[in-house]
């Protein structure tokens, strides 16, 4: 049984973000989901985020998804990634405050724009980063704190990604620490029909990070 409730995320610069949390009865770990680019229709109901939000609780995850600033019910204006990292940080704050002590930890999961933003966020509660189809071009290279942090990073790249295919991603990840790349076969950037594959890959990453979550 999974309970879904609306929650409010408050950013450090005073914005209230629309969010939802799904909590299964047997929760042992947690994930925060960051959605794709708002200017291309991205929000927390994006198909990939929706699949993860529905599927990860069956693997024991408490999941929080939210709308970036300026999207749907979230306050503020879209900032082209300049301040969206504050939104991810605030979502991690909210998750960390609401979790039971039995939870092993939290992973940050971002898709496309959300993946690039997530990789810039350093939060003590984050056990690792899972980046799905990241362009790796939204920020200058030094901004990706995950590159040298040492906590686990897994990057899932669609085989036929139109923006950053596997070879390009591997090149851009040169020198990153504790980072591995997986390829989603027969998929492009939209990842249509790949929901179950992404759910399984995310759960597998959590097991790697938390040792059997």
N, C-alpha and C. Protein backbone atom coordinates (compact mmCIF):
# COMPACT_ATOMS: atom_id res chain seq x y z
N UNK A 1 0.85 -1.19 0.00
CA UNK A 1 0.00 0.00 0.00
C UNK A 1 0.89 1.24 0.00
N UNK A 2 0.61 2.18 -0.90
CA UNK A 2 1.39 3.41 -0.98
C UNK A 2 0.48 4.61 -0.75
N UNK A 3 0.84 5.44 0.21
CA UNK A 3 0.10 6.67 0.49
C UNK A 3 0.73 7.82 -0.27
N UNK A 4 -0.09 8.61 -0.97
CA UNK A 4 0.39 9.78 -1.69
C UNK A 4 -0.21 11.02 -1.05
N UNK A 5 0.63 12.00 -0.73
CA UNK A 5 0.16 13.23 -0.11
C UNK A 5 0.84 14.44 -0.73
N UNK A 6 0.11 15.55 -0.78
CA UNK A 6 0.69 16.80 -1.22
C UNK A 6 1.57 17.35 -0.10
N UNK A 7 2.74 17.86 -0.46
CA UNK A 7 3.63 18.48 0.51
C UNK A 7 4.08 19.82 -0.06
N UNK A 8 4.59 20.66 0.80
CA UNK A 8 5.09 21.97 0.40
C UNK A 8 6.58 22.03 0.64
N UNK A 9 7.31 22.45 -0.37
CA UNK A 9 8.75 22.60 -0.28
C UNK A 9 9.06 24.09 -0.23
N UNK A 10 9.84 24.52 0.75
CA UNK A 10 10.19 25.93 0.92
C UNK A 10 11.67 26.12 0.61
N UNK A 11 11.96 26.96 -0.37
CA UNK A 11 13.35 27.18 -0.78
C UNK A 11 14.04 28.20 0.13
N UNK A 12 15.36 28.23 0.06
CA UNK A 12 16.12 29.15 0.91
C UNK A 12 15.91 30.61 0.52
N UNK A 13 15.41 30.86 -0.72
CA UNK A 13 15.10 32.24 -1.11
C UNK A 13 13.60 32.54 -1.01
N UNK A 14 12.88 31.71 -0.24
CA UNK A 14 11.54 32.06 0.17
C UNK A 14 10.41 31.67 -0.75
N UNK A 15 10.63 30.73 -1.67
CA UNK A 15 9.57 30.29 -2.57
C UNK A 15 8.93 29.00 -2.08
N UNK A 16 7.63 28.86 -2.32
CA UNK A 16 6.92 27.63 -2.01
C UNK A 16 6.73 26.84 -3.29
N UNK A 17 7.18 25.60 -3.27
CA UNK A 17 7.11 24.75 -4.45
C UNK A 17 6.07 23.66 -4.25
N UNK A 18 5.33 23.40 -5.30
CA UNK A 18 4.33 22.33 -5.31
C UNK A 18 5.05 20.98 -5.35
N UNK A 19 4.61 20.04 -4.52
CA UNK A 19 5.28 18.74 -4.47
C UNK A 19 4.31 17.67 -3.99
N UNK A 20 4.67 16.43 -4.25
CA UNK A 20 3.95 15.26 -3.76
C UNK A 20 4.93 14.23 -3.24
N UNK A 21 4.50 13.49 -2.24
CA UNK A 21 5.32 12.42 -1.68
C UNK A 21 4.52 11.12 -1.69
N UNK A 22 5.16 10.05 -2.16
CA UNK A 22 4.57 8.71 -2.14
C UNK A 22 5.35 7.88 -1.14
N UNK A 23 4.62 7.28 -0.17
CA UNK A 23 5.26 6.52 0.90
C UNK A 23 4.67 5.13 0.99
N UNK A 24 5.45 4.10 0.65
CA UNK A 24 4.95 2.73 0.78
C UNK A 24 5.06 2.24 2.23
N UNK A 25 4.34 1.20 2.54
CA UNK A 25 4.38 0.65 3.89
C UNK A 25 5.76 0.14 4.28
N UNK A 26 6.49 -0.38 3.29
CA UNK A 26 7.76 -1.04 3.58
C UNK A 26 8.95 -0.20 3.18
N UNK A 27 8.87 1.11 3.30
CA UNK A 27 9.92 1.98 2.82
C UNK A 27 11.24 1.76 3.54
N UNK A 28 12.33 1.64 2.76
CA UNK A 28 13.67 1.48 3.32
C UNK A 28 14.66 2.50 2.78
N UNK A 29 14.31 3.21 1.70
CA UNK A 29 15.18 4.24 1.13
C UNK A 29 14.29 5.29 0.48
N UNK A 30 14.91 6.32 -0.07
CA UNK A 30 14.12 7.43 -0.59
C UNK A 30 14.76 8.02 -1.84
N UNK A 31 13.94 8.71 -2.64
CA UNK A 31 14.42 9.36 -3.85
C UNK A 31 13.71 10.70 -4.04
N UNK A 32 14.47 11.69 -4.46
CA UNK A 32 13.92 12.98 -4.88
C UNK A 32 14.05 13.07 -6.39
N UNK A 33 12.96 13.42 -7.06
CA UNK A 33 12.90 13.44 -8.52
C UNK A 33 12.88 14.87 -9.05
N UNK A 34 13.74 15.16 -10.03
CA UNK A 34 13.80 16.49 -10.64
C UNK A 34 13.42 16.37 -12.11
N UNK A 35 12.44 17.16 -12.54
CA UNK A 35 11.83 17.00 -13.86
C UNK A 35 12.58 17.73 -14.98
N UNK A 36 12.21 17.47 -16.24
CA UNK A 36 12.89 18.10 -17.38
C UNK A 36 12.50 19.56 -17.57
N UNK A 37 13.04 20.17 -18.63
CA UNK A 37 13.01 21.61 -18.85
C UNK A 37 11.59 22.17 -18.92
N UNK A 38 11.27 23.14 -18.06
CA UNK A 38 9.92 23.73 -18.08
C UNK A 38 9.56 24.39 -19.40
N UNK A 39 10.53 24.94 -20.12
CA UNK A 39 10.23 25.62 -21.38
C UNK A 39 9.92 24.64 -22.52
N UNK A 40 10.09 23.36 -22.24
CA UNK A 40 9.74 22.33 -23.21
C UNK A 40 8.64 21.42 -22.66
N UNK A 41 7.84 21.97 -21.76
CA UNK A 41 6.71 21.24 -21.21
C UNK A 41 7.01 20.39 -20.00
N UNK A 42 8.21 20.49 -19.46
CA UNK A 42 8.58 19.66 -18.32
C UNK A 42 7.91 20.08 -17.03
N UNK A 43 7.40 19.11 -16.31
CA UNK A 43 6.87 19.33 -14.96
C UNK A 43 6.90 18.00 -14.22
N UNK A 44 6.38 17.98 -13.01
CA UNK A 44 6.49 16.76 -12.21
C UNK A 44 5.55 15.66 -12.70
N UNK A 45 4.71 15.96 -13.69
CA UNK A 45 3.86 14.94 -14.31
C UNK A 45 4.40 14.46 -15.65
N UNK A 46 5.64 14.84 -15.96
CA UNK A 46 6.30 14.29 -17.13
C UNK A 46 6.26 12.76 -17.10
N UNK A 47 6.19 12.12 -18.27
CA UNK A 47 6.01 10.66 -18.33
C UNK A 47 7.10 9.90 -17.59
N UNK A 48 8.35 10.33 -17.72
CA UNK A 48 9.44 9.63 -17.05
C UNK A 48 9.34 9.81 -15.53
N UNK A 49 9.13 11.04 -15.09
CA UNK A 49 8.99 11.29 -13.65
C UNK A 49 7.77 10.57 -13.09
N UNK A 50 6.69 10.58 -13.85
CA UNK A 50 5.46 9.90 -13.42
C UNK A 50 5.70 8.40 -13.24
N UNK A 51 6.44 7.78 -14.17
CA UNK A 51 6.73 6.35 -14.07
C UNK A 51 7.59 6.04 -12.85
N UNK A 52 8.57 6.89 -12.58
CA UNK A 52 9.42 6.69 -11.41
C UNK A 52 8.63 6.87 -10.12
N UNK A 53 7.77 7.89 -10.08
CA UNK A 53 6.98 8.17 -8.89
C UNK A 53 6.04 7.03 -8.57
N UNK A 54 5.50 6.40 -9.61
CA UNK A 54 4.58 5.28 -9.41
C UNK A 54 5.31 3.98 -9.13
N UNK A 55 6.47 3.79 -9.79
CA UNK A 55 7.13 2.50 -9.73
C UNK A 55 8.10 2.30 -8.59
N UNK A 56 8.80 3.34 -8.18
CA UNK A 56 9.82 3.17 -7.15
C UNK A 56 9.27 2.73 -5.79
N UNK A 57 8.06 3.16 -5.39
CA UNK A 57 7.54 2.66 -4.12
C UNK A 57 7.39 1.14 -4.07
N UNK A 58 7.20 0.49 -5.22
CA UNK A 58 7.12 -0.97 -5.23
C UNK A 58 8.47 -1.61 -4.93
N UNK A 59 9.52 -0.82 -4.99
CA UNK A 59 10.87 -1.28 -4.62
C UNK A 59 11.27 -0.75 -3.24
N UNK A 60 10.31 -0.27 -2.47
CA UNK A 60 10.59 0.15 -1.10
C UNK A 60 11.03 1.59 -0.94
N UNK A 61 10.80 2.43 -1.95
CA UNK A 61 11.26 3.82 -1.88
C UNK A 61 10.14 4.78 -1.52
N UNK A 62 10.43 5.69 -0.61
CA UNK A 62 9.62 6.89 -0.44
C UNK A 62 10.11 7.89 -1.49
N UNK A 63 9.17 8.47 -2.24
CA UNK A 63 9.55 9.29 -3.39
C UNK A 63 8.91 10.67 -3.29
N UNK A 64 9.71 11.70 -3.54
CA UNK A 64 9.21 13.06 -3.59
C UNK A 64 9.45 13.63 -4.98
N UNK A 65 8.40 14.14 -5.61
CA UNK A 65 8.54 14.86 -6.87
C UNK A 65 8.02 16.28 -6.65
N UNK A 66 8.55 17.23 -7.39
CA UNK A 66 8.18 18.62 -7.18
C UNK A 66 8.23 19.36 -8.51
N UNK A 67 7.57 20.50 -8.57
CA UNK A 67 7.67 21.39 -9.71
C UNK A 67 8.71 22.47 -9.42
N UNK A 68 9.64 22.64 -10.36
CA UNK A 68 10.61 23.72 -10.23
C UNK A 68 9.89 25.07 -10.13
N UNK A 69 10.58 26.05 -9.64
CA UNK A 69 10.04 27.41 -9.51
C UNK A 69 9.42 27.89 -10.83
N UNK A 70 8.25 28.51 -10.72
CA UNK A 70 7.56 29.03 -11.89
C UNK A 70 6.77 28.02 -12.68
N UNK A 71 6.74 26.77 -12.24
CA UNK A 71 6.04 25.71 -12.97
C UNK A 71 4.74 25.35 -12.24
N UNK A 72 3.63 25.42 -12.95
CA UNK A 72 2.32 25.04 -12.40
C UNK A 72 2.08 25.71 -11.04
N UNK A 73 1.95 24.93 -9.97
CA UNK A 73 1.62 25.50 -8.67
C UNK A 73 2.79 26.00 -7.85
N UNK A 74 3.99 26.02 -8.42
CA UNK A 74 5.16 26.51 -7.67
C UNK A 74 5.36 28.00 -7.88
N UNK A 75 5.73 28.68 -6.81
CA UNK A 75 5.95 30.12 -6.89
C UNK A 75 7.23 30.44 -7.66
N UNK A 76 7.37 31.73 -8.01
CA UNK A 76 8.59 32.19 -8.64
C UNK A 76 8.54 32.15 -10.16
N UNK A 77 9.70 32.35 -10.78
CA UNK A 77 9.84 32.34 -12.23
C UNK A 77 10.97 31.42 -12.63
N UNK A 78 10.84 30.85 -13.82
CA UNK A 78 11.90 30.01 -14.36
C UNK A 78 13.19 30.82 -14.49
N UNK A 79 14.32 30.23 -14.08
CA UNK A 79 15.59 30.95 -14.04
C UNK A 79 16.69 30.31 -14.89
N UNK A 80 16.28 29.50 -15.87
CA UNK A 80 17.26 28.91 -16.79
C UNK A 80 18.36 28.13 -16.07
N UNK A 81 18.01 27.58 -14.91
CA UNK A 81 18.96 26.77 -14.15
C UNK A 81 19.78 27.53 -13.14
N UNK A 82 19.70 28.87 -13.14
CA UNK A 82 20.55 29.65 -12.24
C UNK A 82 20.22 29.42 -10.77
N UNK A 83 18.91 29.32 -10.46
CA UNK A 83 18.50 29.14 -9.07
C UNK A 83 17.73 27.84 -8.85
N UNK A 84 17.52 27.06 -9.90
CA UNK A 84 16.78 25.81 -9.74
C UNK A 84 17.50 24.82 -8.83
N UNK A 85 18.80 24.97 -8.71
CA UNK A 85 19.52 24.08 -7.77
C UNK A 85 19.04 24.29 -6.34
N UNK A 86 18.58 25.51 -6.03
CA UNK A 86 18.00 25.76 -4.70
C UNK A 86 16.73 24.95 -4.51
N UNK A 87 16.00 24.70 -5.60
CA UNK A 87 14.77 23.92 -5.53
C UNK A 87 15.07 22.47 -5.18
N UNK A 88 16.10 21.91 -5.83
CA UNK A 88 16.49 20.52 -5.53
C UNK A 88 16.98 20.42 -4.09
N UNK A 89 17.77 21.38 -3.68
CA UNK A 89 18.30 21.38 -2.31
C UNK A 89 17.14 21.43 -1.30
N UNK A 90 16.14 22.27 -1.59
CA UNK A 90 14.99 22.38 -0.70
C UNK A 90 14.17 21.09 -0.66
N UNK A 91 14.04 20.43 -1.82
CA UNK A 91 13.32 19.15 -1.85
C UNK A 91 14.04 18.11 -0.99
N UNK A 92 15.37 18.11 -1.03
CA UNK A 92 16.14 17.19 -0.18
C UNK A 92 15.97 17.55 1.29
N UNK A 93 15.95 18.84 1.61
CA UNK A 93 15.68 19.26 2.99
C UNK A 93 14.33 18.70 3.47
N UNK A 94 13.31 18.88 2.63
CA UNK A 94 11.97 18.43 3.00
C UNK A 94 11.92 16.93 3.20
N UNK A 95 12.52 16.19 2.27
CA UNK A 95 12.54 14.74 2.39
C UNK A 95 13.27 14.31 3.66
N UNK A 96 14.42 14.89 3.91
CA UNK A 96 15.21 14.51 5.08
C UNK A 96 14.45 14.77 6.38
N UNK A 97 13.69 15.86 6.43
CA UNK A 97 12.94 16.19 7.63
C UNK A 97 11.75 15.26 7.86
N UNK A 98 11.20 14.70 6.79
CA UNK A 98 9.98 13.90 6.90
C UNK A 98 10.25 12.41 7.06
N UNK A 99 11.48 11.98 6.79
CA UNK A 99 11.75 10.55 6.78
C UNK A 99 11.87 9.97 8.18
N UNK A 100 11.47 8.72 8.28
CA UNK A 100 11.65 7.94 9.49
C UNK A 100 13.12 7.56 9.64
N UNK A 101 13.57 7.34 10.85
CA UNK A 101 14.97 6.99 11.09
C UNK A 101 15.38 5.65 10.46
N UNK A 102 14.40 4.81 10.13
CA UNK A 102 14.72 3.51 9.54
C UNK A 102 15.15 3.62 8.08
N UNK A 103 14.94 4.78 7.45
CA UNK A 103 15.32 4.96 6.06
C UNK A 103 16.84 5.00 5.93
N UNK A 104 17.36 4.25 4.98
CA UNK A 104 18.81 4.15 4.83
C UNK A 104 19.44 5.38 4.20
N UNK A 105 18.70 6.10 3.39
CA UNK A 105 19.25 7.29 2.77
C UNK A 105 18.45 7.72 1.55
N UNK A 106 18.91 8.80 0.93
CA UNK A 106 18.20 9.41 -0.20
C UNK A 106 19.12 9.46 -1.41
N UNK A 107 18.57 9.16 -2.60
CA UNK A 107 19.29 9.43 -3.83
C UNK A 107 18.57 10.56 -4.58
N UNK A 108 19.34 11.31 -5.36
CA UNK A 108 18.77 12.38 -6.17
C UNK A 108 18.67 11.87 -7.60
N UNK A 109 17.48 11.93 -8.17
CA UNK A 109 17.24 11.41 -9.52
C UNK A 109 16.74 12.55 -10.40
N UNK A 110 17.48 12.88 -11.44
CA UNK A 110 17.06 13.94 -12.34
C UNK A 110 16.97 13.43 -13.76
N UNK A 111 16.06 14.02 -14.52
CA UNK A 111 15.89 13.65 -15.93
C UNK A 111 16.11 14.90 -16.79
N UNK A 112 17.01 14.80 -17.77
CA UNK A 112 17.30 15.86 -18.73
C UNK A 112 17.72 17.14 -17.99
N UNK A 113 17.03 18.25 -18.18
CA UNK A 113 17.31 19.48 -17.44
C UNK A 113 17.45 19.19 -15.94
N UNK A 114 16.52 18.39 -15.40
CA UNK A 114 16.56 18.06 -13.99
C UNK A 114 17.81 17.30 -13.59
N UNK A 115 18.35 16.51 -14.51
CA UNK A 115 19.58 15.78 -14.23
C UNK A 115 20.77 16.74 -14.11
N UNK A 116 20.87 17.68 -15.06
CA UNK A 116 21.95 18.65 -14.99
C UNK A 116 21.87 19.45 -13.69
N UNK A 117 20.67 19.89 -13.33
CA UNK A 117 20.51 20.66 -12.09
C UNK A 117 20.91 19.80 -10.89
N UNK A 118 20.42 18.58 -10.84
CA UNK A 118 20.69 17.71 -9.69
C UNK A 118 22.18 17.49 -9.48
N UNK A 119 22.94 17.37 -10.56
CA UNK A 119 24.37 17.09 -10.46
C UNK A 119 25.16 18.27 -9.89
N UNK A 120 24.52 19.44 -9.77
CA UNK A 120 25.19 20.60 -9.17
C UNK A 120 24.90 20.73 -7.69
N UNK A 121 24.04 19.87 -7.15
CA UNK A 121 23.54 20.06 -5.78
C UNK A 121 24.31 19.21 -4.78
N UNK A 122 24.91 19.87 -3.82
CA UNK A 122 25.61 19.20 -2.73
C UNK A 122 24.73 19.29 -1.49
N UNK A 123 24.29 18.13 -1.00
CA UNK A 123 23.44 18.09 0.20
C UNK A 123 23.87 16.91 1.04
N UNK A 124 24.01 17.11 2.33
CA UNK A 124 24.50 16.06 3.21
C UNK A 124 23.62 14.83 3.21
N UNK A 125 22.32 15.00 2.94
CA UNK A 125 21.39 13.87 2.97
C UNK A 125 21.45 13.02 1.71
N UNK A 126 22.09 13.50 0.67
CA UNK A 126 22.13 12.78 -0.61
C UNK A 126 23.19 11.68 -0.57
N UNK A 127 22.74 10.45 -0.84
CA UNK A 127 23.68 9.34 -0.87
C UNK A 127 24.34 9.15 -2.22
N UNK A 128 23.74 9.71 -3.27
CA UNK A 128 24.28 9.59 -4.61
C UNK A 128 23.36 10.24 -5.62
N UNK A 129 23.84 10.30 -6.85
CA UNK A 129 23.09 10.95 -7.93
C UNK A 129 22.82 9.97 -9.06
N UNK A 130 21.60 9.94 -9.54
CA UNK A 130 21.25 9.19 -10.75
C UNK A 130 20.77 10.20 -11.78
N UNK A 131 21.53 10.33 -12.88
CA UNK A 131 21.22 11.30 -13.92
C UNK A 131 20.72 10.57 -15.16
N UNK A 132 19.48 10.87 -15.56
CA UNK A 132 18.86 10.22 -16.71
C UNK A 132 18.88 11.19 -17.89
N UNK A 133 19.53 10.79 -18.97
CA UNK A 133 19.62 11.60 -20.19
C UNK A 133 20.07 13.03 -19.91
N UNK A 134 21.17 13.21 -19.18
CA UNK A 134 21.61 14.58 -18.91
C UNK A 134 22.28 15.20 -20.13
N UNK A 135 21.95 16.45 -20.49
CA UNK A 135 22.67 17.11 -21.58
C UNK A 135 24.12 17.42 -21.20
N UNK A 136 24.36 17.62 -19.89
CA UNK A 136 25.68 17.98 -19.37
C UNK A 136 26.21 19.24 -20.04
N UNK A 137 25.30 20.13 -20.37
CA UNK A 137 25.69 21.37 -21.05
C UNK A 137 25.04 22.60 -20.44
N UNK A 138 24.20 22.41 -19.43
CA UNK A 138 23.48 23.54 -18.84
C UNK A 138 24.42 24.43 -18.03
N UNK A 139 25.44 23.83 -17.43
CA UNK A 139 26.35 24.57 -16.55
C UNK A 139 27.80 24.40 -17.01
N UNK A 140 28.68 25.31 -16.61
CA UNK A 140 30.11 25.08 -16.80
C UNK A 140 30.56 23.85 -16.02
N UNK A 141 31.54 23.16 -16.53
CA UNK A 141 32.00 21.90 -15.93
C UNK A 141 32.24 21.99 -14.41
N UNK A 142 32.86 23.07 -13.89
CA UNK A 142 33.13 23.08 -12.44
C UNK A 142 31.87 23.07 -11.58
N UNK A 143 30.72 23.45 -12.15
CA UNK A 143 29.50 23.51 -11.36
C UNK A 143 28.96 22.13 -10.99
N UNK A 144 29.38 21.09 -11.70
CA UNK A 144 28.87 19.75 -11.42
C UNK A 144 29.61 19.18 -10.21
N UNK A 145 29.08 19.44 -9.01
CA UNK A 145 29.76 19.02 -7.79
C UNK A 145 29.87 17.50 -7.71
N UNK A 146 28.94 16.80 -8.35
CA UNK A 146 28.98 15.33 -8.33
C UNK A 146 30.23 14.78 -9.01
N UNK A 147 30.86 15.58 -9.86
CA UNK A 147 32.01 15.11 -10.63
C UNK A 147 33.18 14.72 -9.74
N UNK A 148 33.36 15.42 -8.63
CA UNK A 148 34.52 15.18 -7.79
C UNK A 148 34.18 14.87 -6.35
N UNK A 149 32.90 14.69 -6.06
CA UNK A 149 32.45 14.53 -4.68
C UNK A 149 32.88 13.21 -4.07
N UNK A 150 32.82 12.13 -4.82
CA UNK A 150 33.16 10.81 -4.30
C UNK A 150 31.97 9.93 -4.00
N UNK A 151 30.79 10.54 -3.76
CA UNK A 151 29.59 9.73 -3.64
C UNK A 151 29.22 9.17 -5.02
N UNK A 152 28.45 8.10 -5.03
CA UNK A 152 28.19 7.38 -6.27
C UNK A 152 27.39 8.20 -7.26
N UNK A 153 27.76 8.12 -8.53
CA UNK A 153 27.03 8.74 -9.63
C UNK A 153 26.78 7.67 -10.69
N UNK A 154 25.54 7.57 -11.12
CA UNK A 154 25.22 6.70 -12.26
C UNK A 154 24.49 7.55 -13.30
N UNK A 155 24.92 7.44 -14.54
CA UNK A 155 24.34 8.20 -15.64
C UNK A 155 23.72 7.22 -16.62
N UNK A 156 22.41 7.37 -16.88
CA UNK A 156 21.70 6.52 -17.81
C UNK A 156 21.46 7.30 -19.10
N UNK A 157 22.00 6.80 -20.21
CA UNK A 157 21.96 7.53 -21.48
C UNK A 157 21.15 6.75 -22.50
N UNK A 158 20.12 7.35 -23.09
CA UNK A 158 19.41 6.68 -24.17
C UNK A 158 20.35 6.38 -25.33
N UNK A 159 20.23 5.20 -25.89
CA UNK A 159 21.13 4.79 -26.97
C UNK A 159 21.09 5.78 -28.14
N UNK A 160 19.91 6.33 -28.42
CA UNK A 160 19.74 7.23 -29.57
C UNK A 160 19.42 8.65 -29.12
N UNK A 161 20.01 9.08 -28.02
CA UNK A 161 19.73 10.42 -27.51
C UNK A 161 20.12 11.48 -28.54
N UNK A 162 19.21 12.41 -28.80
CA UNK A 162 19.44 13.44 -29.82
C UNK A 162 20.36 14.55 -29.34
N UNK A 163 20.53 14.70 -28.04
CA UNK A 163 21.29 15.83 -27.50
C UNK A 163 22.66 15.42 -26.96
N UNK A 164 22.73 14.32 -26.27
CA UNK A 164 24.00 13.85 -25.71
C UNK A 164 24.00 12.32 -25.74
N UNK A 165 24.37 11.73 -26.88
CA UNK A 165 24.41 10.27 -26.99
C UNK A 165 25.53 9.67 -26.15
N UNK A 166 25.55 8.36 -26.01
CA UNK A 166 26.51 7.72 -25.10
C UNK A 166 27.97 8.14 -25.29
N UNK A 167 28.46 8.21 -26.53
CA UNK A 167 29.87 8.57 -26.73
C UNK A 167 30.16 9.99 -26.26
N UNK A 168 29.23 10.89 -26.51
CA UNK A 168 29.40 12.28 -26.07
C UNK A 168 29.40 12.36 -24.55
N UNK A 169 28.47 11.64 -23.92
CA UNK A 169 28.40 11.66 -22.46
C UNK A 169 29.67 11.09 -21.85
N UNK A 170 30.14 9.99 -22.37
CA UNK A 170 31.38 9.39 -21.82
C UNK A 170 32.54 10.38 -21.91
N UNK A 171 32.62 11.10 -23.02
CA UNK A 171 33.69 12.10 -23.17
C UNK A 171 33.55 13.21 -22.15
N UNK A 172 32.32 13.68 -21.94
CA UNK A 172 32.09 14.78 -21.00
C UNK A 172 32.30 14.35 -19.56
N UNK A 173 32.21 13.05 -19.29
CA UNK A 173 32.40 12.55 -17.93
C UNK A 173 33.84 12.17 -17.63
N UNK A 174 34.73 12.38 -18.56
CA UNK A 174 36.14 12.06 -18.34
C UNK A 174 36.66 12.76 -17.09
N UNK A 175 37.23 12.00 -16.19
CA UNK A 175 37.78 12.55 -14.96
C UNK A 175 36.82 12.58 -13.79
N UNK A 176 35.55 12.24 -14.02
CA UNK A 176 34.60 12.21 -12.90
C UNK A 176 34.93 11.03 -11.98
N UNK A 177 34.76 11.23 -10.69
CA UNK A 177 35.06 10.17 -9.73
C UNK A 177 33.82 9.34 -9.42
N UNK A 178 34.04 8.06 -9.18
CA UNK A 178 32.98 7.14 -8.73
C UNK A 178 31.73 7.24 -9.61
N UNK A 179 31.94 7.28 -10.93
CA UNK A 179 30.85 7.49 -11.88
C UNK A 179 30.80 6.36 -12.89
N UNK A 180 29.60 5.85 -13.15
CA UNK A 180 29.43 4.82 -14.17
C UNK A 180 28.32 5.22 -15.12
N UNK A 181 28.43 4.71 -16.35
CA UNK A 181 27.47 5.03 -17.40
C UNK A 181 26.74 3.77 -17.83
N UNK A 182 25.41 3.87 -17.92
CA UNK A 182 24.60 2.79 -18.46
C UNK A 182 23.84 3.30 -19.68
N UNK A 183 23.58 2.42 -20.63
CA UNK A 183 22.88 2.79 -21.85
C UNK A 183 21.49 2.16 -21.84
N UNK A 184 20.49 2.97 -22.16
CA UNK A 184 19.12 2.49 -22.30
C UNK A 184 18.91 2.13 -23.77
N UNK A 185 18.82 0.85 -24.09
CA UNK A 185 18.79 0.45 -25.50
C UNK A 185 17.51 0.88 -26.22
N UNK A 186 17.65 1.15 -27.50
CA UNK A 186 16.51 1.44 -28.38
C UNK A 186 15.66 2.60 -27.89
N UNK A 187 16.28 3.58 -27.25
CA UNK A 187 15.53 4.72 -26.72
C UNK A 187 16.16 6.02 -27.19
N UNK A 188 15.32 7.05 -27.36
CA UNK A 188 15.84 8.38 -27.61
C UNK A 188 15.63 9.24 -26.37
N UNK A 189 15.82 10.55 -26.48
CA UNK A 189 15.80 11.42 -25.31
C UNK A 189 14.48 11.38 -24.57
N UNK A 190 13.38 11.14 -25.27
CA UNK A 190 12.07 11.12 -24.62
C UNK A 190 11.82 9.86 -23.80
N UNK A 191 12.59 8.79 -24.09
CA UNK A 191 12.50 7.55 -23.33
C UNK A 191 11.09 6.97 -23.29
N UNK A 192 10.38 7.10 -24.39
CA UNK A 192 9.02 6.56 -24.47
C UNK A 192 9.04 5.04 -24.28
N UNK A 193 8.19 4.55 -23.40
CA UNK A 193 8.10 3.12 -23.15
C UNK A 193 9.19 2.54 -22.28
N UNK A 194 10.08 3.39 -21.77
CA UNK A 194 11.21 2.88 -21.00
C UNK A 194 11.00 2.99 -19.49
N UNK A 195 9.79 3.32 -19.07
CA UNK A 195 9.53 3.55 -17.66
C UNK A 195 9.96 2.42 -16.74
N UNK A 196 9.56 1.18 -17.08
CA UNK A 196 9.91 0.06 -16.21
C UNK A 196 11.41 -0.18 -16.16
N UNK A 197 12.08 0.03 -17.29
CA UNK A 197 13.54 -0.10 -17.33
C UNK A 197 14.20 0.91 -16.39
N UNK A 198 13.71 2.14 -16.41
CA UNK A 198 14.27 3.20 -15.57
C UNK A 198 13.99 2.94 -14.09
N UNK A 199 12.81 2.45 -13.79
CA UNK A 199 12.47 2.11 -12.40
C UNK A 199 13.43 1.03 -11.89
N UNK A 200 13.62 -0.03 -12.66
CA UNK A 200 14.50 -1.11 -12.25
C UNK A 200 15.94 -0.62 -12.09
N UNK A 201 16.39 0.23 -13.02
CA UNK A 201 17.76 0.74 -12.95
C UNK A 201 17.96 1.64 -11.74
N UNK A 202 16.94 2.40 -11.40
CA UNK A 202 17.04 3.27 -10.23
C UNK A 202 17.08 2.46 -8.95
N UNK A 203 16.24 1.44 -8.87
CA UNK A 203 16.25 0.56 -7.70
C UNK A 203 17.58 -0.17 -7.57
N UNK A 204 18.16 -0.57 -8.70
CA UNK A 204 19.46 -1.22 -8.68
C UNK A 204 20.54 -0.26 -8.17
N UNK A 205 20.47 0.99 -8.59
CA UNK A 205 21.42 1.99 -8.12
C UNK A 205 21.29 2.18 -6.60
N UNK A 206 20.06 2.22 -6.11
CA UNK A 206 19.85 2.37 -4.68
C UNK A 206 20.47 1.20 -3.91
N UNK A 207 20.34 0.00 -4.45
CA UNK A 207 20.96 -1.16 -3.80
C UNK A 207 22.47 -1.01 -3.76
N UNK A 208 23.04 -0.47 -4.83
CA UNK A 208 24.47 -0.24 -4.87
C UNK A 208 24.89 0.78 -3.82
N UNK A 209 24.12 1.85 -3.71
CA UNK A 209 24.46 2.93 -2.78
C UNK A 209 24.26 2.52 -1.33
N UNK A 210 23.15 1.84 -1.06
CA UNK A 210 22.78 1.57 0.32
C UNK A 210 23.04 0.13 0.75
N UNK A 211 23.61 -0.68 -0.13
CA UNK A 211 23.99 -2.03 0.25
C UNK A 211 22.82 -2.95 0.49
N UNK A 212 21.92 -3.03 -0.50
CA UNK A 212 20.81 -3.98 -0.40
C UNK A 212 19.50 -3.36 -0.06
N UNK A 213 19.36 -2.06 -0.35
CA UNK A 213 18.08 -1.39 -0.09
C UNK A 213 16.97 -2.01 -0.88
